[in-house]
Amino acid sequence: MRLDDAILRFLGSREIGDQSVLLGLLRAEGFELTLSTLSRRMKKLNVRKERGFYRMAQPARAVTQPVSLRKVLPCLLIIRTHVGSAQALAVALDAAQLPSLAGSVAGHDTIFVASTDPSRLDALEEEVRRYLATGF
């Protein structure tokens, strides 16, 4: 099991209010790391302390719907949005863990969204449209 998966599993299964407790749990499973390494990993995973316990921080939701979405073969969607909204929407899409989404790159008003495979581009478009329709 990967370290990131183990961190998220522990945080999802119990309330942990001290990084040293999490460090002990990880070491008991064979992970060799320092407290500073754990802290950096938690920051990368967007883990924050809320009400005394570590949790995955919820991504900020975009405030506006995209202006347009188009496919570019072989495996790219280009989403145009209102100025300043692209990064928040890209974070929300990445956090949604859509099955066909490999990742996204956001600018100021444009997002490039890559599918996991060229054959999954149509599925990715459907997943993104469905996600956006729910009000993300």
N, C-alpha and C. Protein backbone atom coordinates (compact mmCIF):
# COMPACT_ATOMS: atom_id res chain seq x y z
N MET A 1 0.84 -1.18 0.00
CA MET A 1 0.00 0.00 0.00
C MET A 1 0.89 1.24 0.00
N ARG A 2 0.46 2.23 -0.74
CA ARG A 2 1.21 3.47 -0.80
C ARG A 2 1.01 4.29 0.47
N LEU A 3 1.99 5.10 0.77
CA LEU A 3 1.95 5.95 1.96
C LEU A 3 0.73 6.86 1.95
N ASP A 4 0.48 7.54 0.83
CA ASP A 4 -0.66 8.45 0.77
C ASP A 4 -1.97 7.72 1.05
N ASP A 5 -2.13 6.53 0.48
CA ASP A 5 -3.34 5.75 0.71
C ASP A 5 -3.48 5.39 2.18
N ALA A 6 -2.38 5.02 2.81
CA ALA A 6 -2.41 4.66 4.23
C ALA A 6 -2.79 5.87 5.09
N ILE A 7 -2.23 7.03 4.77
CA ILE A 7 -2.56 8.24 5.52
C ILE A 7 -4.05 8.52 5.44
N LEU A 8 -4.59 8.49 4.22
CA LEU A 8 -6.00 8.79 4.03
C LEU A 8 -6.90 7.73 4.67
N ARG A 9 -6.46 6.49 4.64
CA ARG A 9 -7.24 5.41 5.27
C ARG A 9 -7.34 5.63 6.76
N PHE A 10 -6.21 5.93 7.40
CA PHE A 10 -6.22 6.17 8.85
C PHE A 10 -7.07 7.40 9.20
N LEU A 11 -6.92 8.48 8.44
CA LEU A 11 -7.68 9.69 8.75
C LEU A 11 -9.17 9.49 8.51
N GLY A 12 -9.52 8.60 7.59
CA GLY A 12 -10.92 8.33 7.32
C GLY A 12 -11.56 7.35 8.29
N SER A 13 -10.74 6.61 9.02
CA SER A 13 -11.28 5.56 9.89
C SER A 13 -11.31 5.93 11.37
N ARG A 14 -10.62 7.00 11.74
CA ARG A 14 -10.59 7.40 13.15
C ARG A 14 -10.26 8.87 13.26
N GLU A 15 -10.53 9.42 14.41
CA GLU A 15 -10.20 10.82 14.63
C GLU A 15 -8.79 10.91 15.18
N ILE A 16 -7.95 11.62 14.44
CA ILE A 16 -6.55 11.78 14.82
C ILE A 16 -6.28 13.27 14.98
N GLY A 17 -5.87 13.65 16.17
CA GLY A 17 -5.63 15.05 16.46
C GLY A 17 -4.17 15.40 16.62
N ASP A 18 -3.28 14.42 16.48
CA ASP A 18 -1.86 14.64 16.68
C ASP A 18 -1.09 13.87 15.61
N GLN A 19 -0.20 14.56 14.91
CA GLN A 19 0.56 13.90 13.85
C GLN A 19 1.41 12.75 14.37
N SER A 20 1.88 12.84 15.61
CA SER A 20 2.71 11.76 16.15
C SER A 20 1.92 10.47 16.31
N VAL A 21 0.62 10.57 16.55
CA VAL A 21 -0.24 9.38 16.62
C VAL A 21 -0.31 8.73 15.24
N LEU A 22 -0.54 9.54 14.22
CA LEU A 22 -0.58 9.03 12.85
C LEU A 22 0.76 8.43 12.45
N LEU A 23 1.85 9.09 12.83
CA LEU A 23 3.19 8.58 12.55
C LEU A 23 3.37 7.19 13.16
N GLY A 24 2.93 6.99 14.39
CA GLY A 24 3.02 5.69 15.05
C GLY A 24 2.23 4.63 14.32
N LEU A 25 1.02 4.97 13.87
CA LEU A 25 0.19 4.01 13.12
C LEU A 25 0.86 3.61 11.81
N LEU A 26 1.44 4.59 11.13
CA LEU A 26 2.11 4.32 9.86
C LEU A 26 3.36 3.46 10.06
N ARG A 27 4.11 3.78 11.09
CA ARG A 27 5.31 2.98 11.39
C ARG A 27 4.94 1.55 11.73
N ALA A 28 3.82 1.35 12.43
CA ALA A 28 3.37 0.00 12.77
C ALA A 28 3.03 -0.81 11.53
N GLU A 29 2.73 -0.12 10.44
CA GLU A 29 2.44 -0.80 9.17
C GLU A 29 3.67 -0.90 8.28
N GLY A 30 4.82 -0.49 8.79
CA GLY A 30 6.06 -0.66 8.05
C GLY A 30 6.55 0.55 7.28
N PHE A 31 5.90 1.66 7.41
CA PHE A 31 6.36 2.87 6.74
C PHE A 31 7.41 3.55 7.60
N GLU A 32 8.57 3.82 7.01
CA GLU A 32 9.65 4.50 7.71
C GLU A 32 9.69 5.94 7.23
N LEU A 33 9.30 6.86 8.10
CA LEU A 33 9.32 8.27 7.74
C LEU A 33 9.44 9.10 9.01
N THR A 34 9.81 10.35 8.81
CA THR A 34 9.94 11.27 9.94
C THR A 34 8.67 12.11 10.06
N LEU A 35 8.56 12.80 11.16
CA LEU A 35 7.41 13.67 11.37
C LEU A 35 7.37 14.79 10.33
N SER A 36 8.52 15.32 9.96
CA SER A 36 8.54 16.39 8.95
C SER A 36 8.12 15.86 7.58
N THR A 37 8.51 14.63 7.25
CA THR A 37 8.08 14.03 5.99
C THR A 37 6.56 13.82 6.00
N LEU A 38 6.04 13.33 7.12
CA LEU A 38 4.59 13.14 7.25
C LEU A 38 3.86 14.46 7.08
N SER A 39 4.37 15.50 7.70
CA SER A 39 3.74 16.81 7.61
C SER A 39 3.70 17.29 6.16
N ARG A 40 4.78 17.11 5.42
CA ARG A 40 4.81 17.51 4.01
C ARG A 40 3.82 16.70 3.18
N ARG A 41 3.74 15.39 3.46
CA ARG A 41 2.78 14.53 2.72
C ARG A 41 1.35 14.95 3.00
N MET A 42 1.07 15.28 4.25
CA MET A 42 -0.28 15.71 4.61
C MET A 42 -0.64 17.02 3.92
N LYS A 43 0.33 17.92 3.82
CA LYS A 43 0.09 19.19 3.13
C LYS A 43 -0.20 18.93 1.66
N LYS A 44 0.57 18.03 1.04
CA LYS A 44 0.36 17.69 -0.36
C LYS A 44 -1.02 17.08 -0.59
N LEU A 45 -1.50 16.31 0.38
CA LEU A 45 -2.81 15.66 0.28
C LEU A 45 -3.95 16.60 0.67
N ASN A 46 -3.62 17.83 1.00
CA ASN A 46 -4.60 18.84 1.40
C ASN A 46 -5.31 18.44 2.70
N VAL A 47 -4.56 17.88 3.62
CA VAL A 47 -5.09 17.51 4.94
C VAL A 47 -4.91 18.72 5.86
N ARG A 48 -5.98 19.07 6.55
CA ARG A 48 -5.97 20.22 7.45
C ARG A 48 -6.54 19.80 8.81
N LYS A 49 -6.16 20.52 9.82
CA LYS A 49 -6.71 20.28 11.15
C LYS A 49 -7.97 21.12 11.29
N GLU A 50 -9.10 20.44 11.51
CA GLU A 50 -10.38 21.12 11.67
C GLU A 50 -11.04 20.62 12.94
N ARG A 51 -11.41 21.54 13.80
CA ARG A 51 -12.04 21.21 15.08
C ARG A 51 -11.22 20.21 15.88
N GLY A 52 -9.91 20.35 15.80
CA GLY A 52 -9.02 19.53 16.60
C GLY A 52 -8.58 18.21 15.98
N PHE A 53 -9.08 17.89 14.78
CA PHE A 53 -8.73 16.62 14.14
C PHE A 53 -8.32 16.85 12.69
N TYR A 54 -7.42 15.99 12.20
CA TYR A 54 -6.95 16.08 10.82
C TYR A 54 -7.98 15.48 9.88
N ARG A 55 -8.27 16.23 8.79
CA ARG A 55 -9.23 15.79 7.79
C ARG A 55 -8.78 16.31 6.41
N MET A 56 -9.31 15.65 5.39
CA MET A 56 -9.10 16.15 4.03
C MET A 56 -9.89 17.44 3.89
N ALA A 57 -9.23 18.50 3.48
CA ALA A 57 -9.93 19.77 3.28
C ALA A 57 -10.79 19.66 2.03
N GLN A 58 -11.98 20.21 2.09
CA GLN A 58 -12.87 20.21 0.93
C GLN A 58 -12.39 21.30 -0.03
N PRO A 59 -12.30 20.95 -1.31
CA PRO A 59 -11.86 21.97 -2.27
C PRO A 59 -12.89 23.08 -2.41
N ALA A 60 -12.39 24.26 -2.70
CA ALA A 60 -13.30 25.38 -2.93
C ALA A 60 -14.10 25.11 -4.20
N ARG A 61 -15.36 25.42 -4.14
CA ARG A 61 -16.21 25.20 -5.31
C ARG A 61 -16.17 26.43 -6.20
N ALA A 62 -16.19 26.16 -7.49
CA ALA A 62 -16.24 27.25 -8.44
C ALA A 62 -17.60 27.93 -8.34
N VAL A 63 -17.63 29.22 -8.55
CA VAL A 63 -18.87 29.94 -8.37
C VAL A 63 -19.66 30.07 -9.66
N THR A 64 -19.07 29.78 -10.79
CA THR A 64 -19.78 29.92 -12.05
C THR A 64 -19.65 28.67 -12.88
N GLN A 65 -20.63 28.45 -13.74
CA GLN A 65 -20.60 27.33 -14.67
C GLN A 65 -19.66 27.66 -15.83
N PRO A 66 -19.12 26.63 -16.49
CA PRO A 66 -18.27 26.87 -17.65
C PRO A 66 -19.03 27.55 -18.78
N VAL A 67 -18.30 28.27 -19.60
CA VAL A 67 -18.87 28.93 -20.76
C VAL A 67 -18.98 27.93 -21.91
N SER A 68 -17.95 27.09 -22.08
CA SER A 68 -17.99 26.10 -23.15
C SER A 68 -17.11 24.90 -22.81
N LEU A 69 -17.39 23.80 -23.48
CA LEU A 69 -16.61 22.58 -23.31
C LEU A 69 -16.50 21.94 -24.69
N ARG A 70 -15.26 21.64 -25.11
CA ARG A 70 -15.11 20.97 -26.41
C ARG A 70 -14.03 19.92 -26.35
N LYS A 71 -14.20 18.90 -27.20
CA LYS A 71 -13.23 17.81 -27.28
C LYS A 71 -12.17 18.15 -28.30
N VAL A 72 -10.93 17.77 -27.97
CA VAL A 72 -9.82 17.88 -28.91
C VAL A 72 -9.16 16.50 -28.93
N LEU A 73 -9.26 15.84 -30.07
CA LEU A 73 -8.70 14.49 -30.18
C LEU A 73 -7.19 14.52 -30.06
N PRO A 74 -6.56 13.55 -29.47
CA PRO A 74 -7.16 12.26 -29.12
C PRO A 74 -7.68 12.15 -27.69
N CYS A 75 -7.24 13.02 -26.76
CA CYS A 75 -7.63 12.75 -25.37
C CYS A 75 -7.77 13.99 -24.51
N LEU A 76 -8.28 15.08 -25.07
CA LEU A 76 -8.30 16.34 -24.32
C LEU A 76 -9.67 17.00 -24.40
N LEU A 77 -10.12 17.52 -23.27
CA LEU A 77 -11.27 18.41 -23.22
C LEU A 77 -10.74 19.80 -22.89
N ILE A 78 -11.29 20.80 -23.54
CA ILE A 78 -10.94 22.17 -23.22
C ILE A 78 -12.19 22.83 -22.67
N ILE A 79 -12.09 23.29 -21.44
CA ILE A 79 -13.21 23.96 -20.78
C ILE A 79 -12.87 25.43 -20.68
N ARG A 80 -13.74 26.26 -21.23
CA ARG A 80 -13.60 27.71 -21.08
C ARG A 80 -14.58 28.14 -20.01
N THR A 81 -14.15 28.99 -19.12
CA THR A 81 -14.99 29.44 -18.02
C THR A 81 -14.83 30.95 -17.86
N HIS A 82 -15.52 31.50 -16.92
CA HIS A 82 -15.41 32.94 -16.68
C HIS A 82 -14.03 33.25 -16.12
N VAL A 83 -13.55 34.45 -16.37
CA VAL A 83 -12.24 34.89 -15.93
C VAL A 83 -12.10 34.68 -14.42
N GLY A 84 -11.00 34.00 -14.05
CA GLY A 84 -10.71 33.78 -12.64
C GLY A 84 -11.33 32.52 -12.04
N SER A 85 -12.13 31.78 -12.81
CA SER A 85 -12.81 30.61 -12.26
C SER A 85 -12.15 29.28 -12.62
N ALA A 86 -11.22 29.28 -13.53
CA ALA A 86 -10.66 28.03 -14.04
C ALA A 86 -9.96 27.20 -12.96
N GLN A 87 -9.16 27.83 -12.14
CA GLN A 87 -8.40 27.05 -11.16
C GLN A 87 -9.31 26.39 -10.13
N ALA A 88 -10.31 27.09 -9.65
CA ALA A 88 -11.23 26.50 -8.67
C ALA A 88 -11.99 25.34 -9.28
N LEU A 89 -12.42 25.48 -10.52
CA LEU A 89 -13.14 24.41 -11.17
C LEU A 89 -12.24 23.21 -11.41
N ALA A 90 -10.99 23.44 -11.81
CA ALA A 90 -10.04 22.35 -12.03
C ALA A 90 -9.77 21.58 -10.74
N VAL A 91 -9.63 22.30 -9.63
CA VAL A 91 -9.42 21.64 -8.33
C VAL A 91 -10.62 20.77 -8.00
N ALA A 92 -11.83 21.29 -8.23
CA ALA A 92 -13.04 20.54 -7.94
C ALA A 92 -13.14 19.30 -8.82
N LEU A 93 -12.80 19.42 -10.10
CA LEU A 93 -12.84 18.26 -11.00
C LEU A 93 -11.83 17.20 -10.56
N ASP A 94 -10.62 17.62 -10.25
CA ASP A 94 -9.60 16.66 -9.81
C ASP A 94 -10.03 15.96 -8.52
N ALA A 95 -10.63 16.70 -7.60
CA ALA A 95 -11.06 16.13 -6.33
C ALA A 95 -12.23 15.17 -6.51
N ALA A 96 -13.00 15.33 -7.57
CA ALA A 96 -14.16 14.46 -7.82
C ALA A 96 -13.73 13.05 -8.22
N GLN A 97 -12.49 12.88 -8.60
CA GLN A 97 -11.94 11.57 -8.97
C GLN A 97 -12.81 10.86 -10.00
N LEU A 98 -13.13 11.55 -11.07
CA LEU A 98 -13.91 10.96 -12.15
C LEU A 98 -13.11 9.80 -12.76
N PRO A 99 -13.76 8.68 -13.06
CA PRO A 99 -13.02 7.48 -13.51
C PRO A 99 -12.16 7.69 -14.76
N SER A 100 -12.59 8.53 -15.68
CA SER A 100 -11.86 8.72 -16.93
C SER A 100 -10.91 9.91 -16.92
N LEU A 101 -10.81 10.60 -15.79
CA LEU A 101 -9.99 11.81 -15.69
C LEU A 101 -8.57 11.48 -15.24
N ALA A 102 -7.60 11.80 -16.10
CA ALA A 102 -6.20 11.61 -15.73
C ALA A 102 -5.70 12.81 -14.94
N GLY A 103 -6.17 14.00 -15.29
CA GLY A 103 -5.75 15.21 -14.60
C GLY A 103 -6.13 16.44 -15.38
N SER A 104 -5.86 17.59 -14.79
CA SER A 104 -6.21 18.85 -15.44
C SER A 104 -5.12 19.88 -15.22
N VAL A 105 -5.09 20.86 -16.11
CA VAL A 105 -4.19 21.99 -16.01
C VAL A 105 -5.04 23.24 -16.23
N ALA A 106 -4.98 24.17 -15.29
CA ALA A 106 -5.84 25.35 -15.38
C ALA A 106 -5.03 26.62 -15.55
N GLY A 107 -5.58 27.49 -16.34
CA GLY A 107 -5.06 28.84 -16.46
C GLY A 107 -6.02 29.79 -15.78
N HIS A 108 -6.20 30.95 -16.35
CA HIS A 108 -7.08 31.96 -15.75
C HIS A 108 -8.54 31.72 -16.11
N ASP A 109 -8.79 31.34 -17.37
CA ASP A 109 -10.17 31.09 -17.81
C ASP A 109 -10.30 29.84 -18.67
N THR A 110 -9.25 29.01 -18.70
CA THR A 110 -9.26 27.81 -19.53
C THR A 110 -8.68 26.64 -18.75
N ILE A 111 -9.30 25.47 -18.96
CA ILE A 111 -8.81 24.25 -18.32
C ILE A 111 -8.60 23.20 -19.39
N PHE A 112 -7.44 22.55 -19.38
CA PHE A 112 -7.18 21.39 -20.21
C PHE A 112 -7.40 20.17 -19.33
N VAL A 113 -8.30 19.30 -19.74
CA VAL A 113 -8.65 18.11 -18.99
C VAL A 113 -8.27 16.90 -19.84
N ALA A 114 -7.41 16.04 -19.32
CA ALA A 114 -6.94 14.87 -20.07
C ALA A 114 -7.65 13.61 -19.62
N SER A 115 -7.98 12.77 -20.59
CA SER A 115 -8.58 11.48 -20.28
C SER A 115 -7.48 10.46 -19.99
N THR A 116 -7.84 9.41 -19.27
CA THR A 116 -6.88 8.37 -18.93
C THR A 116 -6.40 7.62 -20.15
N ASP A 117 -7.20 7.64 -21.21
CA ASP A 117 -6.88 6.91 -22.44
C ASP A 117 -7.70 7.57 -23.56
N PRO A 118 -7.17 7.64 -24.79
CA PRO A 118 -7.95 8.24 -25.88
C PRO A 118 -9.33 7.59 -26.07
N SER A 119 -9.43 6.32 -25.80
CA SER A 119 -10.72 5.64 -25.96
C SER A 119 -11.73 6.06 -24.89
N ARG A 120 -11.29 6.77 -23.86
CA ARG A 120 -12.16 7.19 -22.75
C ARG A 120 -12.60 8.66 -22.87
N LEU A 121 -12.26 9.32 -23.97
CA LEU A 121 -12.57 10.74 -24.11
C LEU A 121 -14.07 11.00 -24.08
N ASP A 122 -14.87 10.20 -24.79
CA ASP A 122 -16.32 10.39 -24.76
C ASP A 122 -16.87 10.17 -23.36
N ALA A 123 -16.37 9.15 -22.68
CA ALA A 123 -16.81 8.88 -21.31
C ALA A 123 -16.43 10.03 -20.40
N LEU A 124 -15.24 10.58 -20.57
CA LEU A 124 -14.80 11.72 -19.76
C LEU A 124 -15.72 12.91 -19.97
N GLU A 125 -16.07 13.17 -21.22
CA GLU A 125 -16.96 14.30 -21.50
C GLU A 125 -18.30 14.10 -20.78
N GLU A 126 -18.85 12.90 -20.82
CA GLU A 126 -20.11 12.61 -20.12
C GLU A 126 -19.96 12.79 -18.61
N GLU A 127 -18.86 12.28 -18.05
CA GLU A 127 -18.62 12.40 -16.61
C GLU A 127 -18.50 13.86 -16.19
N VAL A 128 -17.79 14.65 -16.97
CA VAL A 128 -17.62 16.07 -16.64
C VAL A 128 -18.95 16.80 -16.75
N ARG A 129 -19.70 16.55 -17.81
CA ARG A 129 -21.00 17.22 -17.98
C ARG A 129 -21.95 16.84 -16.84
N ARG A 130 -21.96 15.56 -16.47
CA ARG A 130 -22.82 15.10 -15.38
C ARG A 130 -22.40 15.76 -14.06
N TYR A 131 -21.09 15.83 -13.82
CA TYR A 131 -20.57 16.46 -12.60
C TYR A 131 -20.96 17.93 -12.56
N LEU A 132 -20.81 18.62 -13.66
CA LEU A 132 -21.15 20.05 -13.70
C LEU A 132 -22.65 20.26 -13.51
N ALA A 133 -23.46 19.32 -14.01
CA ALA A 133 -24.92 19.44 -13.88
C ALA A 133 -25.38 19.31 -12.44
N THR A 134 -24.58 18.65 -11.60
CA THR A 134 -24.97 18.47 -10.19
C THR A 134 -24.72 19.73 -9.37
N GLY A 135 -24.13 20.73 -9.98
CA GLY A 135 -23.84 21.97 -9.26
C GLY A 135 -22.50 21.97 -8.56
N PHE A 136 -21.72 20.92 -8.78
CA PHE A 136 -20.39 20.74 -8.20
C PHE A 136 -20.22 21.58 -7.00
